[in-house]
PDB file of all heavy atoms in Angstrom:
ATOM      1  N   PRO A   1     190.852  43.450 132.828  1.00  0.00           N
ATOM      2  CA  PRO A   1     190.370  44.686 132.205  1.00  0.00           C
ATOM      3  C   PRO A   1     189.935  45.671 133.283  1.00  0.00           C
ATOM      4  O   PRO A   1     189.249  45.266 134.243  1.00  0.00           O
ATOM      5  CB  PRO A   1     189.210  44.263 131.326  1.00  0.00           C
ATOM      6  CG  PRO A   1     189.196  42.756 131.299  1.00  0.00           C
ATOM      7  CD  PRO A   1     189.937  42.319 132.580  1.00  0.00           C
ATOM      8  N   MET A   2     190.235  46.897 133.123  1.00  0.00           N
ATOM      9  CA  MET A   2     189.836  48.047 133.966  1.00  0.00           C
ATOM     10  C   MET A   2     189.571  49.267 133.133  1.00  0.00           C
ATOM     11  O   MET A   2     190.130  49.379 131.977  1.00  0.00           O
ATOM     12  CB  MET A   2     190.902  48.368 135.027  1.00  0.00           C
ATOM     13  CG  MET A   2     191.103  47.293 136.027  1.00  0.00           C
ATOM     14  SD  MET A   2     192.318  48.029 137.311  1.00  0.00           S
ATOM     15  CE  MET A   2     192.474  46.555 138.352  1.00  0.00           C
ATOM     16  N   LEU A   3     188.815  50.173 133.659  1.00  0.00           N
ATOM     17  CA  LEU A   3     188.717  51.505 132.980  1.00  0.00           C
ATOM     18  C   LEU A   3     190.109  52.146 132.954  1.00  0.00           C
ATOM     19  O   LEU A   3     190.872  51.942 133.940  1.00  0.00           O
ATOM     20  CB  LEU A   3     187.674  52.351 133.712  1.00  0.00           C
ATOM     21  CG  LEU A   3     186.251  51.845 133.547  1.00  0.00           C
ATOM     22  CD1 LEU A   3     185.293  52.722 134.389  1.00  0.00           C
ATOM     23  CD2 LEU A   3     185.700  51.866 132.095  1.00  0.00           C
ATOM     24  N   PRO A   4     190.371  52.919 131.973  1.00  0.00           N
ATOM     25  CA  PRO A   4     191.764  53.413 131.811  1.00  0.00           C
ATOM     26  C   PRO A   4     192.379  54.079 133.067  1.00  0.00           C
ATOM     27  O   PRO A   4     193.528  53.846 133.410  1.00  0.00           O
ATOM     28  CB  PRO A   4     191.654  54.398 130.611  1.00  0.00           C
ATOM     29  CG  PRO A   4     190.535  53.810 129.811  1.00  0.00           C
ATOM     30  CD  PRO A   4     189.582  53.329 130.867  1.00  0.00           C
ATOM     31  N   GLN A   5     191.572  55.031 133.720  1.00  0.00           N
ATOM     32  CA  GLN A   5     192.129  55.765 134.831  1.00  0.00           C
ATOM     33  C   GLN A   5     192.459  54.821 136.036  1.00  0.00           C
ATOM     34  O   GLN A   5     193.523  54.919 136.649  1.00  0.00           O
ATOM     35  CB  GLN A   5     191.191  56.880 135.329  1.00  0.00           C
ATOM     36  CG  GLN A   5     191.732  57.724 136.373  1.00  0.00           C
ATOM     37  CD  GLN A   5     190.858  58.852 136.792  1.00  0.00           C
ATOM     38  OE1 GLN A   5     189.695  58.614 137.209  1.00  0.00           O
ATOM     39  NE2 GLN A   5     191.327  60.096 136.707  1.00  0.00           N
ATOM     40  N   ALA A   6     191.558  53.773 136.245  1.00  0.00           N
ATOM     41  CA  ALA A   6     191.807  52.849 137.264  1.00  0.00           C
ATOM     42  C   ALA A   6     193.003  51.971 136.915  1.00  0.00           C
ATOM     43  O   ALA A   6     193.757  51.625 137.859  1.00  0.00           O
ATOM     44  CB  ALA A   6     190.513  52.060 137.542  1.00  0.00           C
ATOM     45  N   ALA A   7     193.123  51.624 135.734  1.00  0.00           N
ATOM     46  CA  ALA A   7     194.269  50.752 135.322  1.00  0.00           C
ATOM     47  C   ALA A   7     195.576  51.497 135.538  1.00  0.00           C
ATOM     48  O   ALA A   7     196.463  50.888 136.087  1.00  0.00           O
ATOM     49  CB  ALA A   7     194.121  50.402 133.770  1.00  0.00           C
ATOM     50  N   ALA A   8     195.603  52.725 135.158  1.00  0.00           N
ATOM     51  CA  ALA A   8     196.798  53.510 135.330  1.00  0.00           C
ATOM     52  C   ALA A   8     197.123  53.750 136.819  1.00  0.00           C
ATOM     53  O   ALA A   8     198.284  53.595 137.232  1.00  0.00           O
ATOM     54  CB  ALA A   8     196.719  54.887 134.667  1.00  0.00           C
ATOM     55  N   ARG A   9     196.111  53.951 137.648  1.00  0.00           N
ATOM     56  CA  ARG A   9     196.308  54.085 139.037  1.00  0.00           C
ATOM     57  C   ARG A   9     196.868  52.859 139.744  1.00  0.00           C
ATOM     58  O   ARG A   9     197.650  52.935 140.630  1.00  0.00           O
ATOM     59  CB  ARG A   9     195.021  54.537 139.672  1.00  0.00           C
ATOM     60  CG  ARG A   9     195.116  54.959 141.165  1.00  0.00           C
ATOM     61  CD  ARG A   9     193.781  55.336 141.767  1.00  0.00           C
ATOM     62  NE  ARG A   9     193.067  56.316 140.979  1.00  0.00           N
ATOM     63  CZ  ARG A   9     191.858  56.087 140.387  1.00  0.00           C
ATOM     64  NH1 ARG A   9     191.260  54.908 140.570  1.00  0.00           N
ATOM     65  NH2 ARG A   9     191.258  57.007 139.691  1.00  0.00           N
ATOM     66  N   ALA A  10     196.457  51.652 139.242  1.00  0.00           N
ATOM     67  CA  ALA A  10     196.774  50.405 139.885  1.00  0.00           C
ATOM     68  C   ALA A  10     198.132  49.956 139.433  1.00  0.00           C
ATOM     69  O   ALA A  10     198.767  48.992 139.991  1.00  0.00           O
ATOM     70  CB  ALA A  10     195.779  49.391 139.487  1.00  0.00           C
ATOM     71  N   ALA A  11     198.745  50.449 138.415  1.00  0.00           N
ATOM     72  CA  ALA A  11     200.013  49.973 137.760  1.00  0.00           C
ATOM     73  C   ALA A  11     201.250  50.701 138.237  1.00  0.00           C
ATOM     74  O   ALA A  11     201.179  51.822 138.646  1.00  0.00           O
ATOM     75  CB  ALA A  11     199.873  49.996 136.291  1.00  0.00           C
ATOM     76  N   ASP A  12     202.411  49.956 138.098  1.00  0.00           N
ATOM     77  CA  ASP A  12     203.704  50.571 138.250  1.00  0.00           C
ATOM     78  C   ASP A  12     204.186  51.179 136.984  1.00  0.00           C
ATOM     79  O   ASP A  12     204.893  52.150 136.998  1.00  0.00           O
ATOM     80  CB  ASP A  12     204.678  49.453 138.752  1.00  0.00           C
ATOM     81  CG  ASP A  12     204.262  48.720 139.969  1.00  0.00           C
ATOM     82  OD1 ASP A  12     203.883  49.438 140.965  1.00  0.00           O
ATOM     83  OD2 ASP A  12     204.188  47.491 139.973  1.00  0.00           O
ATOM     84  N   VAL A  13     203.872  50.490 135.881  1.00  0.00           N
ATOM     85  CA  VAL A  13     204.244  50.944 134.547  1.00  0.00           C
ATOM     86  C   VAL A  13     203.059  51.063 133.650  1.00  0.00           C
ATOM     87  O   VAL A  13     202.216  50.190 133.700  1.00  0.00           O
ATOM     88  CB  VAL A  13     205.317  49.920 133.943  1.00  0.00           C
ATOM     89  CG1 VAL A  13     205.647  50.382 132.474  1.00  0.00           C
ATOM     90  CG2 VAL A  13     206.467  49.757 134.788  1.00  0.00           C
ATOM     91  N   ILE A  14     203.008  52.099 132.961  1.00  0.00           N
ATOM     92  CA  ILE A  14     201.842  52.361 132.037  1.00  0.00           C
ATOM     93  C   ILE A  14     202.382  52.401 130.563  1.00  0.00           C
ATOM     94  O   ILE A  14     203.379  53.174 130.336  1.00  0.00           O
ATOM     95  CB  ILE A  14     201.101  53.765 132.376  1.00  0.00           C
ATOM     96  CG1 ILE A  14     200.467  53.627 133.746  1.00  0.00           C
ATOM     97  CG2 ILE A  14     200.009  53.975 131.308  1.00  0.00           C
ATOM     98  CD1 ILE A  14     201.319  54.222 134.840  1.00  0.00           C
ATOM     99  N   ILE A  15     201.828  51.646 129.714  1.00  0.00           N
ATOM    100  CA  ILE A  15     202.206  51.628 128.324  1.00  0.00           C
ATOM    101  C   ILE A  15     201.068  52.257 127.500  1.00  0.00           C
ATOM    102  O   ILE A  15     199.949  51.886 127.591  1.00  0.00           O
ATOM    103  CB  ILE A  15     202.425  50.113 127.805  1.00  0.00           C
ATOM    104  CG1 ILE A  15     203.598  49.455 128.572  1.00  0.00           C
ATOM    105  CG2 ILE A  15     202.693  50.172 126.277  1.00  0.00           C
ATOM    106  CD1 ILE A  15     203.791  48.042 128.201  1.00  0.00           C
ATOM    107  N   LEU A  16     201.387  53.358 126.788  1.00  0.00           N
ATOM    108  CA  LEU A  16     200.424  54.057 126.005  1.00  0.00           C
ATOM    109  C   LEU A  16     200.409  53.542 124.558  1.00  0.00           C
ATOM    110  O   LEU A  16     201.461  53.638 123.869  1.00  0.00           O
ATOM    111  CB  LEU A  16     200.787  55.600 126.008  1.00  0.00           C
ATOM    112  CG  LEU A  16     200.772  56.247 127.380  1.00  0.00           C
ATOM    113  CD1 LEU A  16     201.220  57.736 127.173  1.00  0.00           C
ATOM    114  CD2 LEU A  16     199.487  56.078 128.078  1.00  0.00           C
ATOM    115  N   ALA A  17     199.359  52.921 124.213  1.00  0.00           N
ATOM    116  CA  ALA A  17     199.170  52.299 122.862  1.00  0.00           C
ATOM    117  C   ALA A  17     197.844  52.762 122.249  1.00  0.00           C
ATOM    118  O   ALA A  17     197.005  52.001 121.978  1.00  0.00           O
ATOM    119  CB  ALA A  17     199.172  50.765 123.030  1.00  0.00           C
ATOM    120  N   LEU A  18     197.871  54.096 121.966  1.00  0.00           N
ATOM    121  CA  LEU A  18     196.628  54.749 121.499  1.00  0.00           C
ATOM    122  C   LEU A  18     196.868  55.383 120.100  1.00  0.00           C
ATOM    123  O   LEU A  18     198.011  55.736 119.764  1.00  0.00           O
ATOM    124  CB  LEU A  18     196.219  55.872 122.466  1.00  0.00           C
ATOM    125  CG  LEU A  18     195.815  55.445 123.849  1.00  0.00           C
ATOM    126  CD1 LEU A  18     196.039  56.599 124.873  1.00  0.00           C
ATOM    127  CD2 LEU A  18     194.439  54.887 123.905  1.00  0.00           C
ATOM    128  N   PRO A  19     195.811  55.509 119.360  1.00  0.00           N
ATOM    129  CA  PRO A  19     195.993  56.274 118.095  1.00  0.00           C
ATOM    130  C   PRO A  19     196.296  57.786 118.486  1.00  0.00           C
ATOM    131  O   PRO A  19     195.720  58.287 119.403  1.00  0.00           O
ATOM    132  CB  PRO A  19     194.636  56.202 117.438  1.00  0.00           C
ATOM    133  CG  PRO A  19     193.924  55.030 118.115  1.00  0.00           C
ATOM    134  CD  PRO A  19     194.489  54.974 119.473  1.00  0.00           C
ATOM    135  N   TRP A  20     197.222  58.408 117.737  1.00  0.00           N
ATOM    136  CA  TRP A  20     197.636  59.720 118.088  1.00  0.00           C
ATOM    137  C   TRP A  20     196.473  60.709 118.120  1.00  0.00           C
ATOM    138  O   TRP A  20     196.421  61.645 118.920  1.00  0.00           O
ATOM    139  CB  TRP A  20     198.769  60.178 117.184  1.00  0.00           C
ATOM    140  CG  TRP A  20     199.212  61.543 117.573  1.00  0.00           C
ATOM    141  CD1 TRP A  20     199.114  62.749 116.924  1.00  0.00           C
ATOM    142  CD2 TRP A  20     200.063  61.802 118.670  1.00  0.00           C
ATOM    143  NE1 TRP A  20     199.746  63.784 117.572  1.00  0.00           N
ATOM    144  CE2 TRP A  20     200.362  63.222 118.653  1.00  0.00           C
ATOM    145  CE3 TRP A  20     200.639  61.019 119.734  1.00  0.00           C
ATOM    146  CZ2 TRP A  20     201.199  63.847 119.631  1.00  0.00           C
ATOM    147  CZ3 TRP A  20     201.415  61.642 120.705  1.00  0.00           C
ATOM    148  CH2 TRP A  20     201.693  63.009 120.684  1.00  0.00           C
ATOM    149  N   GLY A  21     195.513  60.486 117.226  1.00  0.00           N
ATOM    150  CA  GLY A  21     194.374  61.415 117.139  1.00  0.00           C
ATOM    151  C   GLY A  21     193.574  61.561 118.417  1.00  0.00           C
ATOM    152  O   GLY A  21     192.861  62.572 118.603  1.00  0.00           O
ATOM    153  N   VAL A  22     193.568  60.498 119.231  1.00  0.00           N
ATOM    154  CA  VAL A  22     192.764  60.523 120.519  1.00  0.00           C
ATOM    155  C   VAL A  22     193.699  60.587 121.700  1.00  0.00           C
ATOM    156  O   VAL A  22     193.190  60.642 122.851  1.00  0.00           O
ATOM    157  CB  VAL A  22     191.813  59.294 120.584  1.00  0.00           C
ATOM    158  CG1 VAL A  22     190.898  59.232 119.373  1.00  0.00           C
ATOM    159  CG2 VAL A  22     192.633  58.041 120.766  1.00  0.00           C
ATOM    160  N   ALA A  23     194.978  60.714 121.483  1.00  0.00           N
ATOM    161  CA  ALA A  23     195.898  60.506 122.626  1.00  0.00           C
ATOM    162  C   ALA A  23     195.763  61.588 123.586  1.00  0.00           C
ATOM    163  O   ALA A  23     195.787  61.381 124.882  1.00  0.00           O
ATOM    164  CB  ALA A  23     197.322  60.398 122.029  1.00  0.00           C
ATOM    165  N   GLU A  24     195.680  62.865 123.207  1.00  0.00           N
ATOM    166  CA  GLU A  24     195.691  63.953 124.224  1.00  0.00           C
ATOM    167  C   GLU A  24     194.602  63.799 125.197  1.00  0.00           C
ATOM    168  O   GLU A  24     194.836  63.840 126.421  1.00  0.00           O
ATOM    169  CB  GLU A  24     195.637  65.302 123.567  1.00  0.00           C
ATOM    170  CG  GLU A  24     195.687  66.506 124.484  1.00  0.00           C
ATOM    171  CD  GLU A  24     195.810  67.830 123.846  1.00  0.00           C
ATOM    172  OE1 GLU A  24     195.681  67.910 122.583  1.00  0.00           O
ATOM    173  OE2 GLU A  24     195.984  68.781 124.615  1.00  0.00           O
ATOM    174  N   SER A  25     193.370  63.691 124.757  1.00  0.00           N
ATOM    175  CA  SER A  25     192.264  63.562 125.681  1.00  0.00           C
ATOM    176  C   SER A  25     192.343  62.310 126.492  1.00  0.00           C
ATOM    177  O   SER A  25     192.032  62.313 127.709  1.00  0.00           O
ATOM    178  CB  SER A  25     190.931  63.637 124.915  1.00  0.00           C
ATOM    179  OG  SER A  25     190.834  62.568 123.951  1.00  0.00           O
TER     180      SER A  25
END
């Protein structure tokens, strides 16, 4: 587990699995 920004920074591939209502922010 990591905070989202750190997780995205550490990865080669990012999978977005968020509810659309909160996705933009």
